[in-house]
Amino acid sequence: MKAGQVITLGTGGGPMPNPERWQPAHVLMVGSAPVLIDCGEGAMGQLRRAGIEFRDLHHIVLTHHHFDHIGSLFACLGLNMMVQRRTPLTIYGPAGTGDLVDRLCKACDGPNSIGFGVPGQTLPHPRDFTRVVELAPGASLQIEGATLTTCENTHYRAEEAFGTPGPVSLSLRFDLEDRSVVFTGDTGPCAALETLARDADLMVSELMDLEMTMRRVRAMNPDMPEERIAKIHNHLSQHHVEVDYVAKMAERAGVKTVVAVHFPPGMATSDTAASYVDHTRKIFAGTFRIGQDLGVY
C-alpha cells in the first residue's frame, strides 16, 4: 500500500447487517503504517483481505461509539492477546473511549485466564498493551508523522448544543506530507465539518438516502407505531446527510474527491450507485465516487 492511500474496508452502516458490505472501518496509510478509522464488524478479516496483518496495526481512531463502528474492537483486543502481542496498541476516540476499552479489557479476563491450557504459560493481557487517548473537539496531535485534527459533528446533537455535557461524535482530518484526508464519520449537516474539510484532497463521507431508507423501514416493520416511525425519520434526517448536502458541502469546502460510504441495505447497489454520482455532477466540480469494500482511493 502507498502512503496516503485509503482502503475502505467496510462501507455498510447502521444496525441492519448488509449482505453486500461490512460495517464501517477504513485504513489510512500514514507512510508504511496503517491507521484504522473505526472498527465495525468484520474489520479484522477485512484487514487481512486488504493484505494488512492485524498485528501490524498500532493505531485505531474511533469517530464515535455507535455499535456499528466499534463491533470488532473486542475481537481486535482478544486476537492480539491470543497471538501474544507485546507492542503498544493506541486507541483514540471521544470522551468515554477509556471506559469502553476498560470494559472490553475486563471481558478479556476469562479468555486470558484460560490461555492455551498449557501449564505455566500465560498470555499478555490487553490492558498491558493497550493505551487510550481521548480526543476533545478541536484536538490536534501527531500520529506516525501525520497531523490529526478533530471537530465535533451533528450526529448526536445540533451545533448550538456543542460544548455542553453529553456524548460527542467526531469528524477527523489527517494532514500528511502531500495529501489531506477527511473522514466525516456519521454526521448531520455541520458547519464545523465544512470548515474542517477546507481544501481536502479526499473526503470519505457518510451518505444517507432518506426516502429509500424510510420505505424499507415501513416495509420491514408494518406494525411499527407511527410515533416510532417519526423518531427514526427525525434521526435520519437531522443526524445523517443526503447526496445533495454532501455535494454542496464538498463544493463549498473545495474538496477534490469524495468517496461516499456508510450505506444501509438496499442503498447504492449495482443498479442504483450511478444515480447518486450523476446527481452530483451539476453541484460538485470534483470527483464523486461510491465506495466499495476493499476499494483503494
C-alpha atoms as a PDB file:
ATOM      1  CA  MET A   1       0.000   0.000   0.000  1.00  0.00           C
ATOM      2  CA  LYS A   2       1.194   3.516  -0.816  1.00  0.00           C
ATOM      3  CA  ALA A   3       1.485   6.345   1.684  1.00  0.00           C
ATOM      4  CA  GLY A   4      -1.687   8.431   1.801  1.00  0.00           C
ATOM      5  CA  GLN A   5      -3.949   5.767   0.352  1.00  0.00           C
ATOM      6  CA  VAL A   6      -7.304   4.993   1.938  1.00  0.00           C
ATOM      7  CA  ILE A   7      -8.701   1.459   1.912  1.00  0.00           C
ATOM      8  CA  THR A   8     -12.428   1.315   2.624  1.00  0.00           C
ATOM      9  CA  LEU A   9     -12.670  -1.976   4.498  1.00  0.00           C
ATOM     10  CA  GLY A  10     -16.368  -1.677   5.363  1.00  0.00           C
ATOM     11  CA  THR A  11     -18.796   0.606   3.550  1.00  0.00           C
ATOM     12  CA  GLY A  12     -22.055  -0.502   5.154  1.00  0.00           C
ATOM     13  CA  GLY A  13     -23.639   1.288   8.076  1.00  0.00           C
ATOM     14  CA  GLY A  14     -26.424   1.195  10.614  1.00  0.00           C
ATOM     15  CA  PRO A  15     -27.758  -1.634  12.763  1.00  0.00           C
ATOM     16  CA  MET A  16     -29.077  -3.856   9.969  1.00  0.00           C
ATOM     17  CA  PRO A  17     -26.465  -6.262   8.541  1.00  0.00           C
ATOM     18  CA  ASN A  18     -25.773  -5.539   4.884  1.00  0.00           C
ATOM     19  CA  PRO A  19     -25.066  -8.703   2.852  1.00  0.00           C
ATOM     20  CA  GLU A  20     -23.116  -6.634   0.317  1.00  0.00           C
ATOM     21  CA  ARG A  21     -20.963  -4.584   2.692  1.00  0.00           C
ATOM     22  CA  TRP A  22     -19.201  -4.934   6.046  1.00  0.00           C
ATOM     23  CA  GLN A  23     -19.724  -2.308   8.730  1.00  0.00           C
ATOM     24  CA  PRO A  24     -17.703   0.922   8.993  1.00  0.00           C
ATOM     25  CA  ALA A  25     -13.914   0.599   9.026  1.00  0.00           C
ATOM     26  CA  HIS A  26     -11.253   2.266   6.884  1.00  0.00           C
ATOM     27  CA  VAL A  27      -7.466   2.271   6.722  1.00  0.00           C
ATOM     28  CA  LEU A  28      -5.343   5.342   6.089  1.00  0.00           C
ATOM     29  CA  MET A  29      -1.748   4.564   5.199  1.00  0.00           C
ATOM     30  CA  VAL A  30       0.485   7.026   7.032  1.00  0.00           C
ATOM     31  CA  GLY A  31       3.830   6.259   5.463  1.00  0.00           C
ATOM     32  CA  SER A  32       4.014   2.487   5.771  1.00  0.00           C
ATOM     33  CA  ALA A  33       1.856   2.445   8.933  1.00  0.00           C
ATOM     34  CA  PRO A  34      -1.840   1.507   8.671  1.00  0.00           C
ATOM     35  CA  VAL A  35      -4.139   3.637  10.826  1.00  0.00           C
ATOM     36  CA  LEU A  36      -7.608   2.120  11.326  1.00  0.00           C
ATOM     37  CA  ILE A  37     -10.529   4.546  11.319  1.00  0.00           C
ATOM     38  CA  ASP A  38     -13.436   2.934  13.189  1.00  0.00           C
ATOM     39  CA  CYS A  39     -13.650  -0.801  13.837  1.00  0.00           C
ATOM     40  CA  GLY A  40     -17.024  -2.119  12.724  1.00  0.00           C
ATOM     41  CA  GLU A  41     -17.967  -5.775  12.441  1.00  0.00           C
ATOM     42  CA  GLY A  42     -15.686  -7.668  10.080  1.00  0.00           C
ATOM     43  CA  ALA A  43     -12.761  -5.242  10.347  1.00  0.00           C
ATOM     44  CA  MET A  44     -10.175  -7.843  11.340  1.00  0.00           C
ATOM     45  CA  GLY A  45     -10.992 -10.122   8.411  1.00  0.00           C
ATOM     46  CA  GLN A  46     -11.137  -7.194   6.006  1.00  0.00           C
ATOM     47  CA  LEU A  47      -7.679  -6.065   7.105  1.00  0.00           C
ATOM     48  CA  ARG A  48      -6.356  -9.490   6.123  1.00  0.00           C
ATOM     49  CA  ARG A  49      -8.146  -9.354   2.770  1.00  0.00           C
ATOM     50  CA  ALA A  50      -6.530  -5.963   2.172  1.00  0.00           C
ATOM     51  CA  GLY A  51      -3.123  -7.516   2.796  1.00  0.00           C
ATOM     52  CA  ILE A  52      -2.630  -5.951   6.240  1.00  0.00           C
ATOM     53  CA  GLU A  53      -1.782  -8.070   9.275  1.00  0.00           C
ATOM     54  CA  PHE A  54      -3.754  -7.002  12.350  1.00  0.00           C
ATOM     55  CA  ARG A  55      -0.559  -7.431  14.373  1.00  0.00           C
ATOM     56  CA  ASP A  56       0.974  -4.598  12.318  1.00  0.00           C
ATOM     57  CA  LEU A  57      -1.802  -2.230  13.374  1.00  0.00           C
ATOM     58  CA  HIS A  58      -0.681   0.189  16.107  1.00  0.00           C
ATOM     59  CA  HIS A  59      -3.306   2.956  15.902  1.00  0.00           C
ATOM     60  CA  ILE A  60      -7.130   2.849  15.905  1.00  0.00           C
ATOM     61  CA  VAL A  61      -9.166   6.066  15.798  1.00  0.00           C
ATOM     62  CA  LEU A  62     -12.875   5.911  16.679  1.00  0.00           C
ATOM     63  CA  THR A  63     -15.235   8.625  15.457  1.00  0.00           C
ATOM     64  CA  HIS A  64     -17.988   7.688  17.925  1.00  0.00           C
ATOM     65  CA  HIS A  65     -19.323   4.781  19.947  1.00  0.00           C
ATOM     66  CA  HIS A  66     -22.328   3.531  17.995  1.00  0.00           C
ATOM     67  CA  PHE A  67     -22.064  -0.228  17.800  1.00  0.00           C
ATOM     68  CA  ASP A  68     -21.738  -0.448  14.029  1.00  0.00           C
ATOM     69  CA  HIS A  69     -18.464   1.496  14.373  1.00  0.00           C
ATOM     70  CA  ILE A  70     -16.950  -0.484  17.265  1.00  0.00           C
ATOM     71  CA  GLY A  71     -18.280  -4.029  16.848  1.00  0.00           C
ATOM     72  CA  SER A  72     -14.860  -5.590  16.100  1.00  0.00           C
ATOM     73  CA  LEU A  73     -12.934  -3.755  18.799  1.00  0.00           C
ATOM     74  CA  PHE A  74     -13.359  -6.671  21.227  1.00  0.00           C
ATOM     75  CA  ALA A  75     -12.145  -9.068  18.528  1.00  0.00           C
ATOM     76  CA  CYS A  76      -9.123  -6.838  17.918  1.00  0.00           C
ATOM     77  CA  LEU A  77      -8.142  -6.905  21.597  1.00  0.00           C
ATOM     78  CA  GLY A  78      -8.769 -10.628  22.007  1.00  0.00           C
ATOM     79  CA  LEU A  79      -6.998 -11.727  18.841  1.00  0.00           C
ATOM     80  CA  ASN A  80      -3.950  -9.633  19.709  1.00  0.00           C
ATOM     81  CA  MET A  81      -3.975 -11.263  23.136  1.00  0.00           C
ATOM     82  CA  MET A  82      -4.116 -14.738  21.585  1.00  0.00           C
ATOM     83  CA  VAL A  83      -1.097 -14.053  19.357  1.00  0.00           C
ATOM     84  CA  GLN A  84       0.736 -12.721  22.425  1.00  0.00           C
ATOM     85  CA  ARG A  85       1.101  -9.110  21.346  1.00  0.00           C
ATOM     86  CA  ARG A  86       3.701  -7.114  23.245  1.00  0.00           C
ATOM     87  CA  THR A  87       3.857  -3.917  21.190  1.00  0.00           C
ATOM     88  CA  PRO A  88       1.590  -0.998  22.174  1.00  0.00           C
ATOM     89  CA  LEU A  89      -1.821  -0.537  20.548  1.00  0.00           C
ATOM     90  CA  THR A  90      -3.172   3.011  20.894  1.00  0.00           C
ATOM     91  CA  ILE A  91      -6.914   3.591  20.642  1.00  0.00           C
ATOM     92  CA  TYR A  92      -8.062   7.179  20.117  1.00  0.00           C
ATOM     93  CA  GLY A  93     -11.634   8.399  20.388  1.00  0.00           C
ATOM     94  CA  PRO A  94     -14.042  10.849  22.001  1.00  0.00           C
ATOM     95  CA  ALA A  95     -14.710  11.061  25.727  1.00  0.00           C
ATOM     96  CA  GLY A  96     -15.803   7.674  27.043  1.00  0.00           C
ATOM     97  CA  THR A  97     -13.322   5.706  24.947  1.00  0.00           C
ATOM     98  CA  GLY A  98     -11.255   4.904  28.033  1.00  0.00           C
ATOM     99  CA  ASP A  99     -14.252   3.445  29.840  1.00  0.00           C
ATOM    100  CA  LEU A 100     -15.256   1.476  26.738  1.00  0.00           C
ATOM    101  CA  VAL A 101     -11.794  -0.053  26.368  1.00  0.00           C
ATOM    102  CA  ASP A 102     -11.554  -0.764  30.112  1.00  0.00           C
ATOM    103  CA  ARG A 103     -14.779  -2.776  29.931  1.00  0.00           C
ATOM    104  CA  LEU A 104     -13.628  -4.706  26.865  1.00  0.00           C
ATOM    105  CA  CYS A 105     -10.347  -5.466  28.628  1.00  0.00           C
ATOM    106  CA  LYS A 106     -12.347  -6.696  31.613  1.00  0.00           C
ATOM    107  CA  ALA A 107     -14.265  -9.004  29.283  1.00  0.00           C
ATOM    108  CA  CYS A 108     -10.906 -10.490  28.257  1.00  0.00           C
ATOM    109  CA  ASP A 109     -10.207 -11.674  31.825  1.00  0.00           C
ATOM    110  CA  GLY A 110     -11.832 -15.067  31.280  1.00  0.00           C
ATOM    111  CA  PRO A 111     -10.148 -15.944  27.971  1.00  0.00           C
ATOM    112  CA  ASN A 112      -6.866 -14.611  29.340  1.00  0.00           C
ATOM    113  CA  SER A 113      -7.035 -16.853  32.407  1.00  0.00           C
ATOM    114  CA  ILE A 114      -7.708 -19.899  30.221  1.00  0.00           C
ATOM    115  CA  GLY A 115      -4.787 -19.217  27.893  1.00  0.00           C
ATOM    116  CA  PHE A 116      -3.953 -22.245  25.768  1.00  0.00           C
ATOM    117  CA  GLY A 117      -4.291 -24.720  28.619  1.00  0.00           C
ATOM    118  CA  VAL A 118      -0.532 -25.197  28.859  1.00  0.00           C
ATOM    119  CA  PRO A 119       0.699 -25.307  32.491  1.00  0.00           C
ATOM    120  CA  GLY A 120       2.862 -22.296  33.290  1.00  0.00           C
ATOM    121  CA  GLN A 121       2.061 -20.472  30.056  1.00  0.00           C
ATOM    122  CA  THR A 122       0.465 -17.033  30.312  1.00  0.00           C
ATOM    123  CA  LEU A 123      -0.868 -14.627  27.730  1.00  0.00           C
ATOM    124  CA  PRO A 124      -0.306 -10.867  27.759  1.00  0.00           C
ATOM    125  CA  HIS A 125      -3.479  -9.095  28.832  1.00  0.00           C
ATOM    126  CA  PRO A 126      -4.927  -6.419  26.511  1.00  0.00           C
ATOM    127  CA  ARG A 127      -4.767  -3.884  29.339  1.00  0.00           C
ATOM    128  CA  ASP A 128      -0.988  -4.364  29.305  1.00  0.00           C
ATOM    129  CA  PHE A 129      -0.513  -3.474  25.623  1.00  0.00           C
ATOM    130  CA  THR A 130      -3.440  -1.083  25.076  1.00  0.00           C
ATOM    131  CA  ARG A 131      -3.224   2.684  25.515  1.00  0.00           C
ATOM    132  CA  VAL A 132      -6.148   5.110  25.180  1.00  0.00           C
ATOM    133  CA  VAL A 133      -6.039   8.738  24.066  1.00  0.00           C
ATOM    134  CA  GLU A 134      -9.333  10.593  24.407  1.00  0.00           C
ATOM    135  CA  LEU A 135      -9.858  13.331  21.826  1.00  0.00           C
ATOM    136  CA  ALA A 136     -11.683  16.582  22.510  1.00  0.00           C
ATOM    137  CA  PRO A 137     -13.262  18.525  19.625  1.00  0.00           C
ATOM    138  CA  GLY A 138     -10.581  20.748  18.147  1.00  0.00           C
ATOM    139  CA  ALA A 139      -7.760  18.467  19.280  1.00  0.00           C
ATOM    140  CA  SER A 140      -4.621  18.320  17.142  1.00  0.00           C
ATOM    141  CA  LEU A 141      -1.935  15.662  17.525  1.00  0.00           C
ATOM    142  CA  GLN A 142       0.628  13.662  15.601  1.00  0.00           C
ATOM    143  CA  ILE A 143       0.159  10.025  14.561  1.00  0.00           C
ATOM    144  CA  GLU A 144       3.137   8.499  12.769  1.00  0.00           C
ATOM    145  CA  GLY A 145       4.057  11.956  11.429  1.00  0.00           C
ATOM    146  CA  ALA A 146       0.549  12.881  10.202  1.00  0.00           C
ATOM    147  CA  THR A 147      -1.376  15.684  11.892  1.00  0.00           C
ATOM    148  CA  LEU A 148      -4.813  14.598  13.115  1.00  0.00           C
ATOM    149  CA  THR A 149      -7.326  17.386  13.766  1.00  0.00           C
ATOM    150  CA  THR A 150     -10.854  16.806  15.058  1.00  0.00           C
ATOM    151  CA  CYS A 151     -14.156  18.617  15.262  1.00  0.00           C
ATOM    152  CA  GLU A 152     -17.467  17.710  16.817  1.00  0.00           C
ATOM    153  CA  ASN A 153     -20.222  16.947  14.315  1.00  0.00           C
ATOM    154  CA  THR A 154     -24.007  16.783  14.491  1.00  0.00           C
ATOM    155  CA  HIS A 155     -24.589  13.035  14.600  1.00  0.00           C
ATOM    156  CA  TYR A 156     -25.698  13.297  18.244  1.00  0.00           C
ATOM    157  CA  ARG A 157     -26.864  16.892  18.620  1.00  0.00           C
ATOM    158  CA  ALA A 158     -27.246  20.257  16.912  1.00  0.00           C
ATOM    159  CA  GLU A 159     -24.312  22.668  16.749  1.00  0.00           C
ATOM    160  CA  GLU A 160     -25.897  25.036  19.256  1.00  0.00           C
ATOM    161  CA  ALA A 161     -25.501  22.272  21.855  1.00  0.00           C
ATOM    162  CA  PHE A 162     -21.774  21.777  21.206  1.00  0.00           C
ATOM    163  CA  GLY A 163     -19.724  22.217  24.353  1.00  0.00           C
ATOM    164  CA  THR A 164     -22.486  21.102  26.707  1.00  0.00           C
ATOM    165  CA  PRO A 165     -22.346  17.798  28.628  1.00  0.00           C
ATOM    166  CA  GLY A 166     -23.155  14.684  26.649  1.00  0.00           C
ATOM    167  CA  PRO A 167     -21.692  12.174  24.204  1.00  0.00           C
ATOM    168  CA  VAL A 168     -19.604  13.509  21.326  1.00  0.00           C
ATOM    169  CA  SER A 169     -19.301  12.343  17.715  1.00  0.00           C
ATOM    170  CA  LEU A 170     -16.152  13.413  15.880  1.00  0.00           C
ATOM    171  CA  SER A 171     -15.066  14.113  12.332  1.00  0.00           C
ATOM    172  CA  LEU A 172     -11.373  13.649  11.560  1.00  0.00           C
ATOM    173  CA  ARG A 173      -8.834  15.332   9.301  1.00  0.00           C
ATOM    174  CA  PHE A 174      -5.385  13.907   8.586  1.00  0.00           C
ATOM    175  CA  ASP A 175      -2.782  16.161   7.003  1.00  0.00           C
ATOM    176  CA  LEU A 176       0.044  14.090   5.546  1.00  0.00           C
ATOM    177  CA  GLU A 177       3.136  15.261   3.734  1.00  0.00           C
ATOM    178  CA  ASP A 178       1.421  15.504   0.351  1.00  0.00           C
ATOM    179  CA  ARG A 179      -2.253  14.697   0.958  1.00  0.00           C
ATOM    180  CA  SER A 180      -5.108  15.716   3.251  1.00  0.00           C
ATOM    181  CA  VAL A 181      -7.883  13.250   4.073  1.00  0.00           C
ATOM    182  CA  VAL A 182     -11.130  13.900   5.976  1.00  0.00           C
ATOM    183  CA  PHE A 183     -13.373  11.247   7.488  1.00  0.00           C
ATOM    184  CA  THR A 184     -16.776  12.725   8.240  1.00  0.00           C
ATOM    185  CA  GLY A 185     -17.844   9.816  10.431  1.00  0.00           C
ATOM    186  CA  ASP A 186     -21.592   9.824  10.942  1.00  0.00           C
ATOM    187  CA  THR A 187     -22.939  13.374  10.869  1.00  0.00           C
ATOM    188  CA  GLY A 188     -25.822  15.620  10.029  1.00  0.00           C
ATOM    189  CA  PRO A 189     -25.379  18.974   8.272  1.00  0.00           C
ATOM    190  CA  CYS A 190     -22.493  20.666  10.070  1.00  0.00           C
ATOM    191  CA  ALA A 191     -20.681  23.978   9.546  1.00  0.00           C
ATOM    192  CA  ALA A 192     -17.754  22.839  11.713  1.00  0.00           C
ATOM    193  CA  LEU A 193     -17.202  19.850   9.438  1.00  0.00           C
ATOM    194  CA  GLU A 194     -17.275  22.047   6.358  1.00  0.00           C
ATOM    195  CA  THR A 195     -14.523  24.170   7.899  1.00  0.00           C
ATOM    196  CA  LEU A 196     -12.513  21.078   8.823  1.00  0.00           C
ATOM    197  CA  ALA A 197     -12.752  19.805   5.227  1.00  0.00           C
ATOM    198  CA  ARG A 198     -11.463  23.011   3.616  1.00  0.00           C
ATOM    199  CA  ASP A 199      -9.342  22.169   0.521  1.00  0.00           C
ATOM    200  CA  ALA A 200      -9.045  18.484   1.459  1.00  0.00           C
ATOM    201  CA  ASP A 201      -7.763  16.187  -1.253  1.00  0.00           C
ATOM    202  CA  LEU A 202     -10.127  13.380  -0.224  1.00  0.00           C
ATOM    203  CA  MET A 203     -13.253  13.291   1.927  1.00  0.00           C
ATOM    204  CA  VAL A 204     -14.652   9.913   2.971  1.00  0.00           C
ATOM    205  CA  SER A 205     -18.246  10.855   3.712  1.00  0.00           C
ATOM    206  CA  GLU A 206     -21.274   9.083   5.012  1.00  0.00           C
ATOM    207  CA  LEU A 207     -24.306   9.179   2.708  1.00  0.00           C
ATOM    208  CA  MET A 208     -27.967   8.600   3.503  1.00  0.00           C
ATOM    209  CA  ASP A 209     -30.946   8.149   1.172  1.00  0.00           C
ATOM    210  CA  LEU A 210     -33.783   9.152   3.469  1.00  0.00           C
ATOM    211  CA  GLU A 211     -36.712   8.328   1.188  1.00  0.00           C
ATOM    212  CA  MET A 212     -35.398   4.884   0.261  1.00  0.00           C
ATOM    213  CA  THR A 213     -34.473   4.036   3.844  1.00  0.00           C
ATOM    214  CA  MET A 214     -37.841   5.061   5.254  1.00  0.00           C
ATOM    215  CA  ARG A 215     -39.610   2.949   2.622  1.00  0.00           C
ATOM    216  CA  ARG A 216     -37.590  -0.051   3.766  1.00  0.00           C
ATOM    217  CA  VAL A 217     -38.252   0.699   7.440  1.00  0.00           C
ATOM    218  CA  ARG A 218     -42.001   0.724   6.808  1.00  0.00           C
ATOM    219  CA  ALA A 219     -41.914  -2.381   4.597  1.00  0.00           C
ATOM    220  CA  MET A 220     -39.911  -4.390   7.127  1.00  0.00           C
ATOM    221  CA  ASN A 221     -41.878  -3.179  10.159  1.00  0.00           C
ATOM    222  CA  PRO A 222     -45.543  -2.962   9.083  1.00  0.00           C
ATOM    223  CA  ASP A 223     -46.758  -2.924  12.699  1.00  0.00           C
ATOM    224  CA  MET A 224     -44.360  -0.265  13.962  1.00  0.00           C
ATOM    225  CA  PRO A 225     -46.236   2.607  15.666  1.00  0.00           C
ATOM    226  CA  GLU A 226     -46.210   5.912  13.797  1.00  0.00           C
ATOM    227  CA  GLU A 227     -44.590   7.587  16.790  1.00  0.00           C
ATOM    228  CA  ARG A 228     -41.552   5.353  16.453  1.00  0.00           C
ATOM    229  CA  ILE A 229     -41.517   5.805  12.672  1.00  0.00           C
ATOM    230  CA  ALA A 230     -41.410   9.570  13.248  1.00  0.00           C
ATOM    231  CA  LYS A 231     -38.462   9.239  15.635  1.00  0.00           C
ATOM    232  CA  ILE A 232     -36.490   7.207  13.102  1.00  0.00           C
ATOM    233  CA  HIS A 233     -37.265   9.785  10.411  1.00  0.00           C
ATOM    234  CA  ASN A 234     -36.158  12.592  12.711  1.00  0.00           C
ATOM    235  CA  HIS A 235     -32.845  10.878  13.462  1.00  0.00           C
ATOM    236  CA  LEU A 236     -32.085  10.012   9.852  1.00  0.00           C
ATOM    237  CA  SER A 237     -32.978  13.471   8.545  1.00  0.00           C
ATOM    238  CA  GLN A 238     -31.119  15.516  11.172  1.00  0.00           C
ATOM    239  CA  HIS A 239     -28.178  13.281  12.089  1.00  0.00           C
ATOM    240  CA  HIS A 240     -27.188  11.992   8.627  1.00  0.00           C
ATOM    241  CA  VAL A 241     -26.614  13.646   5.235  1.00  0.00           C
ATOM    242  CA  GLU A 242     -28.055  13.089   1.780  1.00  0.00           C
ATOM    243  CA  VAL A 243     -26.321  13.361  -1.566  1.00  0.00           C
ATOM    244  CA  ASP A 244     -27.382  16.974  -2.241  1.00  0.00           C
ATOM    245  CA  TYR A 245     -25.843  18.179   1.001  1.00  0.00           C
ATOM    246  CA  VAL A 246     -22.626  16.190   0.654  1.00  0.00           C
ATOM    247  CA  ALA A 247     -22.060  17.503  -2.874  1.00  0.00           C
ATOM    248  CA  LYS A 248     -22.789  21.124  -1.908  1.00  0.00           C
ATOM    249  CA  MET A 249     -20.622  20.937   1.217  1.00  0.00           C
ATOM    250  CA  ALA A 250     -17.724  19.438  -0.746  1.00  0.00           C
ATOM    251  CA  GLU A 251     -18.035  22.145  -3.395  1.00  0.00           C
ATOM    252  CA  ARG A 252     -18.117  24.969  -0.852  1.00  0.00           C
ATOM    253  CA  ALA A 253     -15.167  23.476   1.024  1.00  0.00           C
ATOM    254  CA  GLY A 254     -13.092  22.988  -2.133  1.00  0.00           C
ATOM    255  CA  VAL A 255     -12.738  19.229  -1.645  1.00  0.00           C
ATOM    256  CA  LYS A 256     -11.174  17.490  -4.636  1.00  0.00           C
ATOM    257  CA  THR A 257     -12.613  13.960  -4.297  1.00  0.00           C
ATOM    258  CA  VAL A 258     -15.487  12.487  -2.274  1.00  0.00           C
ATOM    259  CA  VAL A 259     -15.844   8.768  -1.558  1.00  0.00           C
ATOM    260  CA  ALA A 260     -19.298   8.012  -0.166  1.00  0.00           C
ATOM    261  CA  VAL A 261     -19.730   5.223   2.405  1.00  0.00           C
ATOM    262  CA  HIS A 262     -21.997   4.004   5.243  1.00  0.00           C
ATOM    263  CA  PHE A 263     -24.775   2.514   3.145  1.00  0.00           C
ATOM    264  CA  PRO A 264     -27.718   0.686   4.714  1.00  0.00           C
ATOM    265  CA  PRO A 265     -29.033  -2.425   2.949  1.00  0.00           C
ATOM    266  CA  GLY A 266     -30.672  -1.596  -0.366  1.00  0.00           C
ATOM    267  CA  MET A 267     -28.742   1.642  -0.942  1.00  0.00           C
ATOM    268  CA  ALA A 268     -26.017   2.196  -3.561  1.00  0.00           C
ATOM    269  CA  THR A 269     -26.490  -1.203  -5.151  1.00  0.00           C
ATOM    270  CA  SER A 270     -25.037  -2.073  -8.542  1.00  0.00           C
ATOM    271  CA  ASP A 271     -28.318  -0.861 -10.078  1.00  0.00           C
ATOM    272  CA  THR A 272     -28.534   2.457  -8.232  1.00  0.00           C
ATOM    273  CA  ALA A 273     -24.975   3.573  -7.374  1.00  0.00           C
ATOM    274  CA  ALA A 274     -24.507   5.520 -10.603  1.00  0.00           C
ATOM    275  CA  SER A 275     -27.628   7.600  -9.949  1.00  0.00           C
ATOM    276  CA  TYR A 276     -26.056   9.168  -6.850  1.00  0.00           C
ATOM    277  CA  VAL A 277     -22.914  10.060  -8.798  1.00  0.00           C
ATOM    278  CA  ASP A 278     -24.985  11.516 -11.644  1.00  0.00           C
ATOM    279  CA  HIS A 279     -26.908  13.663  -9.159  1.00  0.00           C
ATOM    280  CA  THR A 280     -23.709  15.399  -8.057  1.00  0.00           C
ATOM    281  CA  ARG A 281     -22.438  16.415 -11.488  1.00  0.00           C
ATOM    282  CA  LYS A 282     -24.212  19.794 -11.620  1.00  0.00           C
ATOM    283  CA  ILE A 283     -23.353  20.568  -7.986  1.00  0.00           C
ATOM    284  CA  PHE A 284     -19.805  19.379  -7.354  1.00  0.00           C
ATOM    285  CA  ALA A 285     -16.872  20.102  -9.648  1.00  0.00           C
ATOM    286  CA  GLY A 286     -14.666  17.405  -8.109  1.00  0.00           C
ATOM    287  CA  THR A 287     -14.801  13.629  -8.354  1.00  0.00           C
ATOM    288  CA  PHE A 288     -17.625  11.807  -6.552  1.00  0.00           C
ATOM    289  CA  ARG A 289     -17.354   8.053  -6.063  1.00  0.00           C
ATOM    290  CA  ILE A 290     -19.438   5.363  -4.385  1.00  0.00           C
ATOM    291  CA  GLY A 291     -17.162   3.469  -2.034  1.00  0.00           C
ATOM    292  CA  GLN A 292     -16.829  -0.290  -2.228  1.00  0.00           C
ATOM    293  CA  ASP A 293     -15.475  -2.715   0.375  1.00  0.00           C
ATOM    294  CA  LEU A 294     -11.706  -3.062  -0.125  1.00  0.00           C
ATOM    295  CA  GLY A 295     -11.670  -0.103  -2.504  1.00  0.00           C
ATOM    296  CA  VAL A 296      -8.383   1.843  -2.628  1.00  0.00           C
ATOM    297  CA  TYR A 297      -8.546   5.618  -3.064  1.00  0.00           C
END
